[in-house]
Protein backbone atom coordinates (compact mmCIF):
# COMPACT_ATOMS: atom_id res chain seq x y z
CA UNK A 1 -13.52 42.23 54.85
CA UNK A 2 -17.11 42.38 56.79
CA UNK A 3 -19.06 39.58 55.59
CA UNK A 4 -20.12 37.60 58.94
CA UNK A 5 -20.14 34.06 56.99
CA UNK A 6 -15.92 34.82 56.37
CA UNK A 7 -15.29 35.79 59.67
CA UNK A 8 -11.82 33.64 59.50
CA UNK A 9 -10.87 36.36 56.88
CA UNK A 10 -11.63 38.67 59.19
CA UNK A 11 -10.11 37.15 61.65
CA UNK A 12 -6.96 35.77 59.60
CA UNK A 13 -5.84 40.06 58.23
CA UNK A 14 -6.27 40.80 62.45
CA UNK A 15 -4.17 37.94 63.30
CA UNK A 16 -1.76 39.29 60.45
CA UNK A 17 -1.38 42.88 61.12
CA UNK A 18 -0.99 42.28 64.78
CA UNK A 19 1.68 39.73 64.07
CA UNK A 20 3.44 41.89 61.85
CA UNK A 21 3.11 44.71 64.68
CA UNK A 22 5.23 42.50 67.09
CA UNK A 23 7.97 41.07 64.26
CA UNK A 24 8.11 44.87 64.16
CA UNK A 25 9.54 45.47 67.57
CA UNK A 26 12.54 43.06 67.06
CA UNK A 27 15.80 45.03 67.00
CA UNK A 28 18.47 44.19 64.40
CA UNK A 29 20.19 42.78 67.28
CA UNK A 30 18.13 40.66 68.84
CA UNK A 31 17.41 37.93 64.96
CA UNK A 32 20.34 35.86 66.20
CA UNK A 33 18.97 35.44 69.57
CA UNK A 34 16.55 32.07 70.72
CA UNK A 35 13.40 32.14 69.24
CA UNK A 36 11.32 28.59 69.73
CA UNK A 37 12.58 25.06 70.33
CA UNK A 38 15.96 24.77 67.49
CA UNK A 39 15.07 28.75 65.99
CA UNK A 40 16.67 31.65 66.69
CA UNK A 41 13.87 34.56 65.96
CA UNK A 42 15.12 34.93 62.13
CA UNK A 43 14.08 31.02 61.35
CA UNK A 44 10.99 31.53 63.81
CA UNK A 45 9.54 34.80 62.07
CA UNK A 46 10.65 32.88 59.27
CA UNK A 47 8.54 29.63 59.85
CA UNK A 48 5.39 32.45 60.81
CA UNK A 49 5.86 34.46 57.45
CA UNK A 50 5.50 31.23 55.75
CA UNK A 51 1.54 31.72 56.43
CA UNK A 52 1.26 33.82 54.25
CA UNK A 53 3.35 32.49 50.64
CA UNK A 54 1.67 29.37 51.87
CA UNK A 55 -1.84 30.88 51.57
CA UNK A 56 -0.95 33.09 48.12
CA UNK A 57 0.33 29.64 46.74
CA UNK A 58 -3.01 27.31 47.63
CA UNK A 59 -5.74 30.07 46.19
CA UNK A 60 -3.85 29.96 42.97
CA UNK A 61 -4.19 25.97 42.48
CA UNK A 62 -8.21 25.91 43.10
CA UNK A 63 -9.33 21.84 44.09
CA UNK A 64 -11.59 20.10 42.48
CA UNK A 65 -13.60 18.46 45.39
CA UNK A 66 -12.49 18.85 49.62
CA UNK A 67 -11.06 16.00 51.16
CA UNK A 68 -10.02 18.00 54.27
CA UNK A 69 -13.27 19.01 55.89
CA UNK A 70 -11.72 20.74 58.86
CA UNK A 71 -8.27 22.44 59.72
CA UNK A 72 -7.78 19.71 62.17
CA UNK A 73 -7.88 17.78 59.60
CA UNK A 74 -5.64 19.50 58.01
CA UNK A 75 -3.01 19.15 60.46
CA UNK A 76 -3.40 15.56 61.43
CA UNK A 77 -2.87 14.88 57.52
CA UNK A 78 0.11 17.11 57.33
CA UNK A 79 1.92 16.30 61.17
CA UNK A 80 1.34 12.78 59.82
CA UNK A 81 3.73 13.02 57.00
CA UNK A 82 7.09 11.28 57.88
CA UNK A 83 9.87 13.54 58.56
CA UNK A 84 7.66 16.60 59.14
CA UNK A 85 9.48 17.92 61.83
CA UNK A 86 12.70 18.30 60.43
CA UNK A 87 11.35 19.40 56.78
CA UNK A 88 9.24 22.15 58.94
CA UNK A 89 12.34 22.92 60.91
CA UNK A 90 14.63 23.56 58.02
CA UNK A 91 11.95 25.28 56.09
CA UNK A 92 11.44 27.77 58.87
CA UNK A 93 15.30 28.24 58.63
CA UNK A 94 15.74 28.87 55.45
CA UNK A 95 11.97 31.29 55.39
CA UNK A 96 14.19 33.43 57.82
CA UNK A 97 17.50 33.88 56.00
CA UNK A 98 15.10 34.76 52.89
CA UNK A 99 13.85 37.96 55.04
CA UNK A 100 17.59 39.52 54.15
CA UNK A 101 18.96 42.50 55.78
CA UNK A 102 15.79 43.45 56.68
CA UNK A 103 13.59 40.87 58.16
CA UNK A 104 11.08 43.17 59.97
CA UNK A 105 9.68 45.18 56.48
CA UNK A 106 10.01 41.66 53.98
CA UNK A 107 7.89 40.07 56.66
CA UNK A 108 5.50 43.13 56.75
CA UNK A 109 5.49 42.72 52.85
CA UNK A 110 4.75 39.08 52.74
CA UNK A 111 1.96 40.58 55.10
CA UNK A 112 0.19 42.73 52.97
CA UNK A 113 0.81 40.75 49.62
CA UNK A 114 -1.60 38.07 51.41
CA UNK A 115 -3.75 40.53 52.72
CA UNK A 116 -4.13 42.53 49.35
CA UNK A 117 -4.28 39.24 47.42
CA UNK A 118 -7.33 38.29 49.35
CA UNK A 119 -8.97 41.69 48.97
CA UNK A 120 -8.63 41.69 45.48
CA UNK A 121 -10.31 38.09 45.46
CA UNK A 122 -13.25 39.73 47.54
CA UNK A 123 -13.61 42.87 45.06
CA UNK A 124 -14.91 40.15 42.43
CA UNK A 125 -16.09 38.02 44.45
CA UNK A 126 -18.37 38.04 47.77
CA UNK A 127 -16.38 37.39 51.26
CA UNK A 128 -19.00 34.57 51.54
CA UNK A 129 -18.04 32.61 47.97
CA UNK A 130 -14.08 33.66 48.74
CA UNK A 131 -14.64 31.73 52.11
CA UNK A 132 -16.38 28.58 50.34
CA UNK A 133 -14.10 27.83 46.81
CA UNK A 134 -11.99 24.78 47.38
CA UNK A 135 -8.52 25.82 47.31
CA UNK A 136 -5.52 22.84 46.98
CA UNK A 137 -3.47 22.59 49.90
CA UNK A 138 -0.53 20.56 50.63
CA UNK A 139 -2.56 17.70 52.63
CA UNK A 140 -5.19 18.32 50.10
CA UNK A 141 -8.49 20.25 48.85
CA UNK A 142 -10.05 22.48 51.39
CA UNK A 143 -12.45 25.56 52.01
CA UNK A 144 -10.80 28.60 52.06
CA UNK A 145 -12.27 29.78 54.88
CA UNK A 146 -11.15 26.16 56.88
CA UNK A 147 -7.47 26.60 54.95
CA UNK A 148 -7.14 30.00 56.46
CA UNK A 149 -8.32 28.88 59.72
CA UNK A 150 -4.59 26.80 59.14
CA UNK A 151 -2.61 30.15 58.74
CA UNK A 152 -4.54 32.13 61.36
CA UNK A 153 -3.20 29.43 64.23
CA UNK A 154 0.43 29.78 62.40
CA UNK A 155 -0.02 32.99 63.23
């Protein structure tokens, strides 16, 4: 991922690898310790790992048009939904549970899956065209590069 027009993809890859290396330092005895807000570390890491899952899901859903032209528009749309805080909390907890007995390895596998998916897309197209392609997110249609920026922010 070296195309300067697709820096979003490079930044995501760097953040994903950094975050994965940080998660790898969490000891087995620490997963139930406080994380952020109501999340323990497992729930926080589960929430963070959703950045990979939601990216892969969106990549499978082309959009006909871009309705959210920026990451800021995406977050404004998402955060204006009623009950979003409770939903985010619950999904993080569930995703943390889904990490299983070896959360750090499961997180690393999710990271590698998302990065591999982006790399495969770049093999058949340029980084710039991957970043410019329209995909459907939970908030609406976005450029892939702009949505990737929201996932980088989550990491």
